[in-house]
Amino acid sequence: MSLMPPQVSVVMPVYNARAYLGDALDSVLQQTLGDFELILIDDGSTDGSTEILQEAARKDGRIRLVSRPNKGIIETLNEGLALVQGRYVARMDADDVAVADRFARQVEWMDGHPACSAVGSQVLFIDADGEPIAPKSDTKYTHAEIDAALLAGQWPMVHPSVMMRAESLRRIGGYREYRTWEDHDLFLRLAEVGELANLPAVLLRYRLHLGSIVHQREADKSPVMTAILQAAAQRRGGDVNDVPHVPGRGCVTRLTHQRNWAWWALAAGNTRTARKHAWGAWRKAPLAMDSWRLLACALRGH
C-alpha cells in the first residue's frame, strides 16, 4: 500500500440505498483515475446496505468504511470530511452513477485552475431503473452565472457531481446544520473563498426517484432557503431584506413527478422512457385529460 495520500477523497454517505448501491460503488471503483480513497459513511442503514459495503471494503483497499447508528446527513458529511486525506474531495451519492472519466476530468480542471474551489458538471437525469430522462436544463457554467443563480435560490450545481478543494472546505468549516439545502449554503461559502465552475460534459447520471432527498425536501424549501440567503447577504455586506423569496412546491404527488419525467424525456428524445412514465401516469389517473394527452404524445414520439 502506498504511503502517499491519494489525489482524491470520495465522500459517499449511505442510508438504506441497497437498491442502487451496487451501481454507485461500481461507477466509483471503475474510474479511469484510480488514485483515490472512497470514504463510505454508513449512517445506520437497516436494509442490507451495510453488508454490501462490508463486502466491497473487503475486496478493495481504497475503501474506508465507517458504520454506526443513524446521525443524519450533516453529521455524516462532516464525519466524512474529517477523514479526508486527498487534495480534492469528490462528493458522490449512493443512488447515482459517475461517468468513468469523471474524476480524471475534474482533477485536470482543478489542477489547471488553482483559483477554483469547486467544479461540478452537467448531469443526466435517470429514473429508478437507470433509464435516461433528460440532461438538467438549468445548469450554469461560469462562476458569475453560478453565484448569481445561488443568490437567487436556484439550483445551478448538483451536489454529488462536485469535486472540491480540500483546503477550501477546511477554510469554510465544512457543512453547517441546515435541515435541508446544506449544499446550497456550502456552495455560497465556497464562492466566497474561490471560484465555482461546471464542466459542460455529462459526468454524472443523477437518479430521480420518489425516495430521493431532492423530492422530500421541497416542502420546507422556503424558510430554510431564506435563512441561507440572508446569512450570505450578511457575510457579503448586503441587506438581508433584499433576498428573494423562494417558494417551495409543497407536497408534489407521485403523479406529478411521473408526468414531469415523461414530458422531460419526450423533449430530450428519450421516447422509451417517456412512454414508460406516460403509461404510469395514465394508470394513476386514467380519467384525466392530461394523462391522455401525455400518453398520446409519448406514443407518437413528439
Protein backbone atom coordinates (compact mmCIF):
# COMPACT_ATOMS: atom_id res chain seq x y z
CA MET A 1 0.00 0.00 0.00
CA SER A 2 1.25 3.48 -0.91
CA LEU A 3 2.20 5.80 1.92
CA MET A 4 1.40 8.81 -0.24
CA PRO A 5 -2.01 10.42 0.27
CA PRO A 6 -4.42 9.93 -2.63
CA GLN A 7 -5.20 12.70 -5.09
CA VAL A 8 -8.92 12.43 -4.45
CA SER A 9 -11.03 11.56 -1.43
CA VAL A 10 -14.54 10.46 -2.38
CA VAL A 11 -17.13 11.05 0.34
CA MET A 12 -20.27 8.94 -0.01
CA PRO A 13 -22.93 8.88 2.73
CA VAL A 14 -25.12 5.78 2.66
CA TYR A 15 -28.51 5.29 4.24
CA ASN A 16 -30.79 2.46 3.11
CA ALA A 17 -29.63 2.60 -0.51
CA ARG A 18 -29.44 -1.12 -1.27
CA ALA A 19 -31.46 -0.90 -4.50
CA TYR A 20 -28.89 1.37 -6.18
CA LEU A 21 -25.74 0.98 -4.10
CA GLY A 22 -24.02 -1.59 -6.32
CA ASP A 23 -24.19 0.64 -9.39
CA ALA A 24 -22.92 3.65 -7.45
CA LEU A 25 -19.98 1.74 -5.97
CA ASP A 26 -19.00 0.18 -9.31
CA SER A 27 -19.04 3.58 -11.01
CA VAL A 28 -16.55 4.93 -8.46
CA LEU A 29 -14.29 1.89 -8.23
CA GLN A 30 -14.02 1.66 -12.04
CA GLN A 31 -12.93 5.27 -12.59
CA THR A 32 -10.12 5.79 -15.10
CA LEU A 33 -8.29 7.81 -12.42
CA GLY A 34 -7.57 5.24 -9.75
CA ASP A 35 -5.65 7.38 -7.26
CA PHE A 36 -8.44 7.92 -4.74
CA GLU A 37 -9.83 6.76 -1.44
CA LEU A 38 -13.53 6.04 -1.07
CA ILE A 39 -14.84 7.10 2.33
CA LEU A 40 -18.16 5.37 2.99
CA ILE A 41 -20.16 6.50 5.99
CA ASP A 42 -22.97 4.02 6.67
CA ASP A 43 -25.49 6.14 8.55
CA GLY A 44 -27.30 3.34 10.36
CA SER A 45 -28.69 1.50 7.33
CA THR A 46 -31.21 -1.25 8.05
CA ASP A 47 -31.97 -2.55 4.53
CA GLY A 48 -28.88 -4.68 3.86
CA SER A 49 -26.71 -1.82 2.60
CA THR A 50 -24.22 -2.47 5.41
CA GLU A 51 -23.46 -5.96 4.15
CA ILE A 52 -22.90 -4.70 0.59
CA LEU A 53 -20.50 -2.06 1.91
CA GLN A 54 -18.60 -4.56 4.05
CA GLU A 55 -18.15 -6.90 1.09
CA ALA A 56 -16.90 -4.05 -1.11
CA ALA A 57 -14.43 -2.95 1.58
CA ARG A 58 -13.04 -6.48 1.82
CA LYS A 59 -12.37 -6.52 -1.92
CA ASP A 60 -10.91 -3.04 -2.45
CA GLY A 61 -8.26 -1.49 -0.21
CA ARG A 62 -9.14 2.03 -1.35
CA ILE A 63 -12.37 1.86 0.66
CA ARG A 64 -12.56 3.24 4.20
CA LEU A 65 -15.84 2.19 5.79
CA VAL A 66 -17.44 3.65 8.89
CA SER A 67 -20.68 2.04 10.11
CA ARG A 68 -22.56 3.40 13.10
CA PRO A 69 -26.08 4.39 14.22
CA ASN A 70 -28.04 7.00 12.30
CA LYS A 71 -26.99 10.60 12.90
CA GLY A 72 -28.35 12.43 9.87
CA ILE A 73 -26.86 13.82 6.69
CA ILE A 74 -24.97 16.86 8.06
CA GLU A 75 -23.07 14.97 10.73
CA THR A 76 -22.44 12.16 8.25
CA LEU A 77 -20.97 14.50 5.63
CA ASN A 78 -18.76 16.31 8.15
CA GLU A 79 -17.61 12.98 9.56
CA GLY A 80 -16.56 12.02 6.06
CA LEU A 81 -14.73 15.32 5.54
CA ALA A 82 -12.81 14.79 8.79
CA LEU A 83 -11.34 11.58 7.34
CA VAL A 84 -10.24 13.12 4.05
CA GLN A 85 -6.58 12.71 3.10
CA GLY A 86 -6.72 13.81 -0.53
CA ARG A 87 -6.10 17.19 -2.08
CA TYR A 88 -9.53 17.11 -3.69
CA VAL A 89 -12.87 15.94 -2.30
CA ALA A 90 -15.39 14.38 -4.68
CA ARG A 91 -18.96 14.05 -3.48
CA MET A 92 -20.97 11.05 -4.51
CA ASP A 93 -24.41 9.78 -3.52
CA ALA A 94 -25.32 6.14 -3.11
CA ASP A 95 -28.07 6.20 -5.76
CA ASP A 96 -26.21 7.97 -8.59
CA VAL A 97 -23.75 6.77 -11.24
CA ALA A 98 -20.48 8.53 -12.06
CA VAL A 99 -19.25 8.52 -15.67
CA ALA A 100 -15.97 6.59 -15.96
CA ASP A 101 -13.69 9.60 -16.56
CA ARG A 102 -15.42 11.98 -14.15
CA PHE A 103 -12.56 12.16 -11.63
CA ALA A 104 -9.88 12.46 -14.33
CA ARG A 105 -11.65 15.38 -15.99
CA GLN A 106 -12.34 17.20 -12.74
CA VAL A 107 -8.80 16.75 -11.40
CA GLU A 108 -7.44 18.09 -14.69
CA TRP A 109 -9.70 21.15 -14.35
CA MET A 110 -8.77 21.79 -10.72
CA ASP A 111 -5.05 21.38 -11.43
CA GLY A 112 -5.34 23.91 -14.25
CA HIS A 113 -7.50 26.40 -12.32
CA PRO A 114 -5.91 26.98 -8.89
CA ALA A 115 -8.44 29.73 -8.05
CA CYS A 116 -11.31 27.25 -8.38
CA SER A 117 -12.70 25.95 -5.08
CA ALA A 118 -15.26 23.57 -6.63
CA VAL A 119 -16.14 22.16 -10.03
CA GLY A 120 -19.29 20.24 -10.89
CA SER A 121 -20.66 19.12 -14.23
CA GLN A 122 -23.70 18.76 -16.36
CA VAL A 123 -25.77 15.76 -15.24
CA LEU A 124 -28.16 13.39 -16.95
CA PHE A 125 -31.36 12.68 -15.04
CA ILE A 126 -32.17 8.97 -14.97
CA ASP A 127 -35.14 7.18 -13.47
CA ALA A 128 -35.26 4.48 -10.81
CA ASP A 129 -34.46 1.83 -13.44
CA GLY A 130 -31.47 3.77 -14.77
CA GLU A 131 -33.26 4.80 -17.98
CA PRO A 132 -32.32 8.25 -19.34
CA ILE A 133 -34.81 11.06 -18.76
CA ALA A 134 -33.05 14.26 -19.85
CA PRO A 135 -30.00 16.43 -19.19
CA LYS A 136 -30.53 19.03 -16.48
CA SER A 137 -31.92 22.10 -18.21
CA ASP A 138 -30.74 24.96 -15.97
CA THR A 139 -27.12 24.07 -15.22
CA LYS A 140 -24.82 27.12 -15.16
CA TYR A 141 -21.15 27.01 -16.13
CA THR A 142 -19.23 30.16 -15.18
CA HIS A 143 -18.54 31.46 -11.68
CA ALA A 144 -20.60 34.61 -12.22
CA GLU A 145 -23.60 32.65 -13.52
CA ILE A 146 -23.42 30.05 -10.76
CA ASP A 147 -23.04 32.58 -7.96
CA ALA A 148 -25.91 34.71 -9.26
CA ALA A 149 -28.15 31.66 -9.51
CA LEU A 150 -27.24 30.58 -5.98
CA LEU A 151 -28.11 34.04 -4.67
CA ALA A 152 -31.47 33.74 -6.45
CA GLY A 153 -32.20 30.45 -4.71
CA GLN A 154 -31.83 28.40 -7.88
CA TRP A 155 -30.12 25.02 -8.44
CA PRO A 156 -27.08 25.72 -10.64
CA MET A 157 -24.81 22.95 -9.25
CA VAL A 158 -25.65 19.33 -8.45
CA HIS A 159 -24.09 18.31 -5.15
CA PRO A 160 -22.98 14.73 -5.99
CA SER A 161 -21.38 15.93 -9.24
CA VAL A 162 -18.98 18.26 -7.43
CA MET A 163 -15.26 17.99 -6.74
CA MET A 164 -13.95 20.49 -4.17
CA ARG A 165 -10.57 21.62 -2.97
CA ALA A 166 -10.00 20.13 0.50
CA GLU A 167 -8.18 23.29 1.61
CA SER A 168 -11.22 25.40 0.71
CA LEU A 169 -13.55 23.10 2.66
CA ARG A 170 -11.35 23.36 5.74
CA ARG A 171 -11.23 27.12 5.38
CA ILE A 172 -15.03 27.47 5.44
CA GLY A 173 -15.56 24.80 8.10
CA GLY A 174 -17.45 22.18 6.10
CA TYR A 175 -21.21 21.76 6.17
CA ARG A 176 -23.47 23.70 8.51
CA GLU A 177 -26.55 22.48 10.34
CA TYR A 178 -29.41 23.22 7.99
CA ARG A 179 -32.18 20.63 7.88
CA THR A 180 -32.09 20.71 4.08
CA TRP A 181 -30.25 22.56 1.31
CA GLU A 182 -26.93 22.24 3.14
CA ASP A 183 -25.24 22.04 -0.27
CA HIS A 184 -26.65 25.44 -1.29
CA ASP A 185 -25.15 27.04 1.81
CA LEU A 186 -21.84 25.24 1.20
CA PHE A 187 -21.60 26.46 -2.41
CA LEU A 188 -22.31 30.06 -1.43
CA ARG A 189 -19.50 29.95 1.12
CA LEU A 190 -17.14 28.22 -1.33
CA ALA A 191 -17.89 31.02 -3.80
CA GLU A 192 -16.60 33.48 -1.21
CA VAL A 193 -13.15 31.83 -1.00
CA GLY A 194 -12.70 30.81 -4.62
CA GLU A 195 -14.41 30.31 -7.95
CA LEU A 196 -17.10 27.82 -8.92
CA ALA A 197 -17.50 26.10 -12.28
CA ASN A 198 -19.39 23.33 -14.02
CA LEU A 199 -17.95 21.29 -16.86
CA PRO A 200 -20.37 21.02 -19.81
CA ALA A 201 -19.86 17.27 -20.23
CA VAL A 202 -22.28 14.89 -18.52
CA LEU A 203 -20.14 13.35 -15.77
CA LEU A 204 -22.92 12.08 -13.51
CA ARG A 205 -26.12 10.16 -14.05
CA TYR A 206 -28.40 11.64 -11.39
CA ARG A 207 -31.18 9.30 -10.31
CA LEU A 208 -34.66 10.72 -9.83
CA HIS A 209 -36.88 8.52 -7.70
CA LEU A 210 -39.56 9.18 -5.16
CA GLY A 211 -37.33 8.29 -2.20
CA SER A 212 -34.59 10.77 -3.11
CA ILE A 213 -33.91 13.71 -0.81
CA VAL A 214 -34.38 16.26 -3.59
CA HIS A 215 -38.08 15.34 -3.70
CA GLN A 216 -38.53 15.04 0.04
CA ARG A 217 -37.10 18.46 0.86
CA GLU A 218 -39.15 20.69 -1.45
CA ALA A 219 -41.98 21.26 1.06
CA ASP A 220 -39.78 23.16 3.53
CA LYS A 221 -37.60 24.92 0.97
CA SER A 222 -38.81 28.49 1.56
CA PRO A 223 -37.85 29.14 5.22
CA VAL A 224 -34.57 27.23 5.01
CA MET A 225 -33.52 28.88 1.76
CA THR A 226 -34.43 32.30 3.14
CA ALA A 227 -32.17 31.71 6.14
CA ILE A 228 -29.31 30.58 3.89
CA LEU A 229 -29.63 33.59 1.57
CA GLN A 230 -29.91 36.02 4.48
CA ALA A 231 -26.74 34.58 6.01
CA ALA A 232 -24.96 35.02 2.66
CA ALA A 233 -26.16 38.62 2.41
CA GLN A 234 -24.81 39.36 5.91
CA ARG A 235 -21.41 37.83 5.09
CA ARG A 236 -21.21 39.82 1.85
CA GLY A 237 -22.30 43.14 3.37
CA GLY A 238 -25.72 43.19 1.72
CA ASP A 239 -29.22 43.86 3.01
CA VAL A 240 -30.96 40.78 4.38
CA ASN A 241 -34.28 42.33 3.41
CA ASP A 242 -33.31 42.19 -0.26
CA VAL A 243 -33.01 38.42 -0.51
CA PRO A 244 -35.57 36.89 -2.89
CA HIS A 245 -38.49 34.83 -1.71
CA VAL A 246 -38.01 31.27 -2.93
CA PRO A 247 -41.28 29.35 -2.65
CA GLY A 248 -41.34 25.62 -2.04
CA ARG A 249 -43.50 23.41 -4.18
CA GLY A 250 -45.32 21.87 -1.23
CA CYS A 251 -46.20 18.20 -1.43
CA VAL A 252 -45.66 17.11 -5.03
CA THR A 253 -47.62 13.96 -5.89
CA ARG A 254 -46.22 10.82 -7.48
CA LEU A 255 -48.48 11.50 -10.44
CA THR A 256 -46.97 14.96 -10.98
CA HIS A 257 -43.43 13.60 -10.80
CA GLN A 258 -44.20 10.85 -13.30
CA ARG A 259 -45.83 13.29 -15.72
CA ASN A 260 -42.86 15.65 -15.45
CA TRP A 261 -40.39 12.86 -16.11
CA ALA A 262 -42.37 11.72 -19.15
CA TRP A 263 -42.50 15.24 -20.65
CA TRP A 264 -38.79 15.84 -19.98
CA ALA A 265 -37.85 12.51 -21.54
CA LEU A 266 -40.02 13.23 -24.57
CA ALA A 267 -38.44 16.66 -25.10
CA ALA A 268 -34.96 15.08 -24.85
CA GLY A 269 -35.79 12.40 -27.41
CA ASN A 270 -35.82 9.55 -24.88
CA THR A 271 -39.06 8.12 -26.19
CA ARG A 272 -38.85 4.76 -24.44
CA THR A 273 -38.53 6.42 -21.04
CA ALA A 274 -41.29 8.87 -21.91
CA ARG A 275 -43.68 6.07 -22.86
CA LYS A 276 -42.94 4.16 -19.66
CA HIS A 277 -43.75 7.12 -17.42
CA ALA A 278 -46.69 8.23 -19.57
CA TRP A 279 -48.24 4.78 -19.11
CA GLY A 280 -47.52 5.00 -15.38
CA ALA A 281 -49.21 8.40 -15.16
CA TRP A 282 -52.21 7.15 -17.18
CA ARG A 283 -52.64 4.19 -14.84
CA LYS A 284 -52.65 6.54 -11.84
CA ALA A 285 -55.21 8.90 -13.42
CA PRO A 286 -56.91 7.21 -16.38
CA LEU A 287 -59.81 9.68 -16.47
CA ALA A 288 -57.68 12.84 -16.58
CA MET A 289 -57.30 14.63 -19.92
CA ASP A 290 -53.68 15.46 -19.03
CA SER A 291 -52.96 11.73 -18.82
CA TRP A 292 -54.49 11.05 -22.24
CA ARG A 293 -52.68 13.99 -23.85
CA LEU A 294 -49.33 12.90 -22.41
CA LEU A 295 -49.87 9.30 -23.46
CA ALA A 296 -50.82 10.29 -27.00
CA CYS A 297 -47.71 12.49 -27.36
CA ALA A 298 -45.47 9.76 -25.96
CA LEU A 299 -46.90 7.13 -28.31
CA ARG A 300 -46.37 9.48 -31.27
CA GLY A 301 -42.86 10.23 -30.03
CA HIS A 302 -43.22 14.01 -30.03
